[in-house]
Amino acid sequence: MSDLFMQNLNTGLTITIIGMLVVMAFLVLMIFAISLSTKIVEIYNKYFPEVLPEDKTTKKKVQVKDDSQIAIAVAMAHHASKGGK
């Protein structure tokens, strides 16, 4: 009985160690692949940069000559935040 237990224990430990080594090898391979893909994307972006569309709404600036328009806008915002009461 003891001999069978030791044989099963040996088999179980062997399978456990092999499984852990397979997982460890996969994780090392995954880290290598991620770092390699990061470097490839950096090189790609260096030669083919992404062109961002221009935001046309920020180019238009309204010139206010007096502070009365600003005061009216602030008063309207305050009135709206109070629920119009």
N, C-alpha and C. Protein backbone atom coordinates (compact mmCIF):
# COMPACT_ATOMS: atom_id res chain seq x y z
N MET A 1 0.82 -1.19 0.00
CA MET A 1 0.00 0.00 0.00
C MET A 1 0.86 1.25 0.00
N SER A 2 1.92 1.25 0.75
CA SER A 2 2.81 2.40 0.84
C SER A 2 3.54 2.62 -0.48
N ASP A 3 3.87 1.52 -1.14
CA ASP A 3 4.57 1.62 -2.43
C ASP A 3 3.67 2.25 -3.49
N LEU A 4 2.39 1.89 -3.49
CA LEU A 4 1.43 2.47 -4.43
C LEU A 4 1.22 3.95 -4.14
N PHE A 5 1.17 4.33 -2.85
CA PHE A 5 1.01 5.73 -2.48
C PHE A 5 2.19 6.56 -2.95
N MET A 6 3.40 6.06 -2.77
CA MET A 6 4.60 6.79 -3.20
C MET A 6 4.65 6.90 -4.72
N GLN A 7 4.21 5.89 -5.42
CA GLN A 7 4.18 5.94 -6.88
C GLN A 7 3.18 7.00 -7.36
N ASN A 8 2.00 7.04 -6.74
CA ASN A 8 1.00 8.05 -7.09
C ASN A 8 1.48 9.45 -6.73
N LEU A 9 2.16 9.58 -5.60
CA LEU A 9 2.69 10.88 -5.19
C LEU A 9 3.75 11.35 -6.18
N ASN A 10 4.61 10.45 -6.60
CA ASN A 10 5.64 10.79 -7.60
C ASN A 10 5.01 11.22 -8.92
N THR A 11 4.01 10.50 -9.36
CA THR A 11 3.33 10.84 -10.61
C THR A 11 2.64 12.20 -10.49
N GLY A 12 1.98 12.43 -9.37
CA GLY A 12 1.30 13.70 -9.16
C GLY A 12 2.26 14.88 -9.13
N LEU A 13 3.37 14.71 -8.44
CA LEU A 13 4.37 15.80 -8.40
C LEU A 13 5.00 16.04 -9.77
N THR A 14 5.23 14.98 -10.51
CA THR A 14 5.81 15.12 -11.85
C THR A 14 4.85 15.88 -12.77
N ILE A 15 3.59 15.52 -12.74
CA ILE A 15 2.59 16.21 -13.56
C ILE A 15 2.46 17.67 -13.14
N THR A 16 2.50 17.92 -11.82
CA THR A 16 2.40 19.29 -11.32
C THR A 16 3.58 20.13 -11.78
N ILE A 17 4.78 19.60 -11.68
CA ILE A 17 5.98 20.34 -12.09
C ILE A 17 5.98 20.58 -13.59
N ILE A 18 5.59 19.58 -14.37
CA ILE A 18 5.53 19.76 -15.83
C ILE A 18 4.49 20.82 -16.18
N GLY A 19 3.35 20.81 -15.52
CA GLY A 19 2.32 21.81 -15.77
C GLY A 19 2.79 23.21 -15.42
N MET A 20 3.48 23.35 -14.30
CA MET A 20 4.00 24.66 -13.91
C MET A 20 5.06 25.16 -14.90
N LEU A 21 5.89 24.26 -15.38
CA LEU A 21 6.91 24.65 -16.35
C LEU A 21 6.27 25.08 -17.68
N VAL A 22 5.21 24.38 -18.09
CA VAL A 22 4.51 24.76 -19.32
C VAL A 22 3.89 26.15 -19.17
N VAL A 23 3.26 26.41 -18.03
CA VAL A 23 2.66 27.72 -17.80
C VAL A 23 3.73 28.80 -17.76
N MET A 24 4.84 28.53 -17.09
CA MET A 24 5.94 29.49 -17.00
C MET A 24 6.52 29.78 -18.39
N ALA A 25 6.69 28.75 -19.20
CA ALA A 25 7.21 28.96 -20.55
C ALA A 25 6.24 29.78 -21.39
N PHE A 26 4.95 29.53 -21.24
CA PHE A 26 3.95 30.31 -21.97
C PHE A 26 3.98 31.77 -21.54
N LEU A 27 4.09 32.03 -20.24
CA LEU A 27 4.13 33.41 -19.76
C LEU A 27 5.38 34.14 -20.27
N VAL A 28 6.52 33.47 -20.26
CA VAL A 28 7.75 34.09 -20.78
C VAL A 28 7.59 34.37 -22.27
N LEU A 29 7.02 33.44 -23.00
CA LEU A 29 6.79 33.63 -24.43
C LEU A 29 5.81 34.78 -24.68
N MET A 30 4.78 34.90 -23.85
CA MET A 30 3.80 35.97 -24.00
C MET A 30 4.44 37.33 -23.71
N ILE A 31 5.28 37.42 -22.68
CA ILE A 31 5.97 38.67 -22.37
C ILE A 31 6.88 39.07 -23.53
N PHE A 32 7.59 38.10 -24.09
CA PHE A 32 8.46 38.37 -25.24
C PHE A 32 7.65 38.86 -26.43
N ALA A 33 6.50 38.24 -26.69
CA ALA A 33 5.66 38.66 -27.82
C ALA A 33 5.10 40.05 -27.62
N ILE A 34 4.70 40.38 -26.40
CA ILE A 34 4.15 41.72 -26.13
C ILE A 34 5.23 42.78 -26.29
N SER A 35 6.42 42.53 -25.77
CA SER A 35 7.49 43.52 -25.91
C SER A 35 7.92 43.67 -27.37
N LEU A 36 7.92 42.58 -28.11
CA LEU A 36 8.27 42.66 -29.52
C LEU A 36 7.21 43.43 -30.31
N SER A 37 5.94 43.19 -30.00
CA SER A 37 4.89 43.91 -30.72
C SER A 37 4.90 45.40 -30.37
N THR A 38 5.27 45.74 -29.14
CA THR A 38 5.39 47.15 -28.77
C THR A 38 6.47 47.83 -29.59
N LYS A 39 7.60 47.17 -29.75
CA LYS A 39 8.69 47.74 -30.55
C LYS A 39 8.30 47.86 -32.01
N ILE A 40 7.58 46.89 -32.52
CA ILE A 40 7.14 46.94 -33.92
C ILE A 40 6.17 48.10 -34.13
N VAL A 41 5.25 48.31 -33.19
CA VAL A 41 4.30 49.42 -33.31
C VAL A 41 5.02 50.76 -33.22
N GLU A 42 6.03 50.87 -32.35
CA GLU A 42 6.80 52.12 -32.26
C GLU A 42 7.51 52.42 -33.57
N ILE A 43 8.10 51.41 -34.18
CA ILE A 43 8.78 51.61 -35.46
C ILE A 43 7.77 51.99 -36.54
N TYR A 44 6.63 51.31 -36.55
CA TYR A 44 5.59 51.61 -37.53
C TYR A 44 5.10 53.05 -37.38
N ASN A 45 4.87 53.48 -36.12
CA ASN A 45 4.40 54.84 -35.89
C ASN A 45 5.46 55.89 -36.23
N LYS A 46 6.71 55.50 -36.19
CA LYS A 46 7.78 56.44 -36.54
C LYS A 46 7.74 56.76 -38.03
N TYR A 47 7.48 55.76 -38.86
CA TYR A 47 7.49 55.95 -40.30
C TYR A 47 6.10 56.29 -40.86
N PHE A 48 5.05 55.86 -40.18
CA PHE A 48 3.68 56.13 -40.63
C PHE A 48 2.88 56.71 -39.47
N PRO A 49 3.11 57.98 -39.15
CA PRO A 49 2.40 58.55 -38.00
C PRO A 49 0.91 58.71 -38.29
N GLU A 50 0.13 58.64 -37.25
CA GLU A 50 -1.32 58.77 -37.39
C GLU A 50 -1.67 60.24 -37.56
N VAL A 51 -2.44 60.53 -38.60
CA VAL A 51 -2.86 61.90 -38.86
C VAL A 51 -4.18 62.13 -38.14
N LEU A 52 -4.17 63.08 -37.21
CA LEU A 52 -5.38 63.38 -36.46
C LEU A 52 -6.16 64.47 -37.18
N PRO A 53 -7.47 64.34 -37.25
CA PRO A 53 -8.26 65.39 -37.90
C PRO A 53 -8.23 66.66 -37.05
N GLU A 54 -8.26 67.79 -37.73
CA GLU A 54 -8.24 69.06 -37.03
C GLU A 54 -9.60 69.33 -36.42
N ASP A 55 -9.57 69.88 -35.22
CA ASP A 55 -10.80 70.24 -34.54
C ASP A 55 -11.17 71.66 -34.96
N LYS A 56 -12.18 71.78 -35.81
CA LYS A 56 -12.54 73.07 -36.39
C LYS A 56 -13.31 73.95 -35.42
N THR A 57 -13.83 73.37 -34.35
CA THR A 57 -14.62 74.18 -33.42
C THR A 57 -13.75 75.04 -32.53
N THR A 58 -12.50 74.65 -32.30
CA THR A 58 -11.66 75.44 -31.40
C THR A 58 -10.99 76.61 -32.10
N LYS A 59 -11.01 76.64 -33.42
CA LYS A 59 -10.37 77.72 -34.14
C LYS A 59 -11.18 79.02 -34.10
N LYS A 60 -12.48 78.88 -33.96
CA LYS A 60 -13.33 80.06 -33.97
C LYS A 60 -13.37 80.67 -32.57
N LYS A 61 -12.88 81.89 -32.45
CA LYS A 61 -12.92 82.59 -31.18
C LYS A 61 -13.75 83.84 -31.35
N VAL A 62 -14.62 84.04 -30.42
CA VAL A 62 -15.51 85.20 -30.47
C VAL A 62 -14.87 86.31 -29.65
N GLN A 63 -14.73 87.46 -30.25
CA GLN A 63 -14.19 88.61 -29.55
C GLN A 63 -15.32 89.37 -28.87
N VAL A 64 -15.23 89.53 -27.57
CA VAL A 64 -16.23 90.26 -26.81
C VAL A 64 -15.63 91.62 -26.46
N LYS A 65 -16.33 92.67 -26.85
CA LYS A 65 -15.79 94.01 -26.65
C LYS A 65 -16.15 94.57 -25.28
N ASP A 66 -17.24 94.12 -24.71
CA ASP A 66 -17.58 94.60 -23.38
C ASP A 66 -17.99 93.42 -22.50
N ASP A 67 -18.01 93.65 -21.22
CA ASP A 67 -18.29 92.58 -20.27
C ASP A 67 -19.78 92.34 -20.07
N SER A 68 -20.62 93.11 -20.69
CA SER A 68 -22.05 92.94 -20.47
C SER A 68 -22.55 91.60 -21.03
N GLN A 69 -22.00 91.16 -22.17
CA GLN A 69 -22.41 89.89 -22.74
C GLN A 69 -21.98 88.73 -21.84
N ILE A 70 -20.81 88.85 -21.22
CA ILE A 70 -20.34 87.81 -20.30
C ILE A 70 -21.24 87.78 -19.08
N ALA A 71 -21.59 88.94 -18.55
CA ALA A 71 -22.45 89.01 -17.38
C ALA A 71 -23.83 88.41 -17.67
N ILE A 72 -24.36 88.67 -18.85
CA ILE A 72 -25.65 88.11 -19.23
C ILE A 72 -25.57 86.59 -19.32
N ALA A 73 -24.49 86.07 -19.89
CA ALA A 73 -24.33 84.62 -20.02
C ALA A 73 -24.21 83.97 -18.65
N VAL A 74 -23.47 84.60 -17.74
CA VAL A 74 -23.33 84.05 -16.39
C VAL A 74 -24.68 84.08 -15.67
N ALA A 75 -25.41 85.16 -15.81
CA ALA A 75 -26.72 85.26 -15.16
C ALA A 75 -27.68 84.22 -15.70
N MET A 76 -27.66 83.98 -17.00
CA MET A 76 -28.54 82.97 -17.60
C MET A 76 -28.17 81.57 -17.11
N ALA A 77 -26.88 81.30 -17.01
CA ALA A 77 -26.43 79.99 -16.53
C ALA A 77 -26.84 79.79 -15.08
N HIS A 78 -26.70 80.82 -14.27
CA HIS A 78 -27.09 80.73 -12.87
C HIS A 78 -28.61 80.53 -12.76
N HIS A 79 -29.36 81.22 -13.56
CA HIS A 79 -30.81 81.09 -13.55
C HIS A 79 -31.23 79.69 -13.98
N ALA A 80 -30.55 79.14 -14.98
CA ALA A 80 -30.88 77.79 -15.45
C ALA A 80 -30.50 76.74 -14.40
N SER A 81 -29.42 76.97 -13.66
CA SER A 81 -29.02 75.99 -12.65
C SER A 81 -29.96 75.98 -11.46
N LYS A 82 -30.68 77.08 -11.22
CA LYS A 82 -31.65 77.14 -10.13
C LYS A 82 -33.00 76.58 -10.54
N GLY A 83 -33.10 76.10 -11.74
CA GLY A 83 -34.36 75.52 -12.22
C GLY A 83 -35.29 76.55 -12.80
N GLY A 84 -34.79 77.69 -13.13
CA GLY A 84 -35.61 78.71 -13.74
C GLY A 84 -36.51 79.43 -12.76
N LYS A 85 -36.22 79.33 -11.46
CA LYS A 85 -37.06 79.99 -10.45
C LYS A 85 -36.50 81.33 -10.04
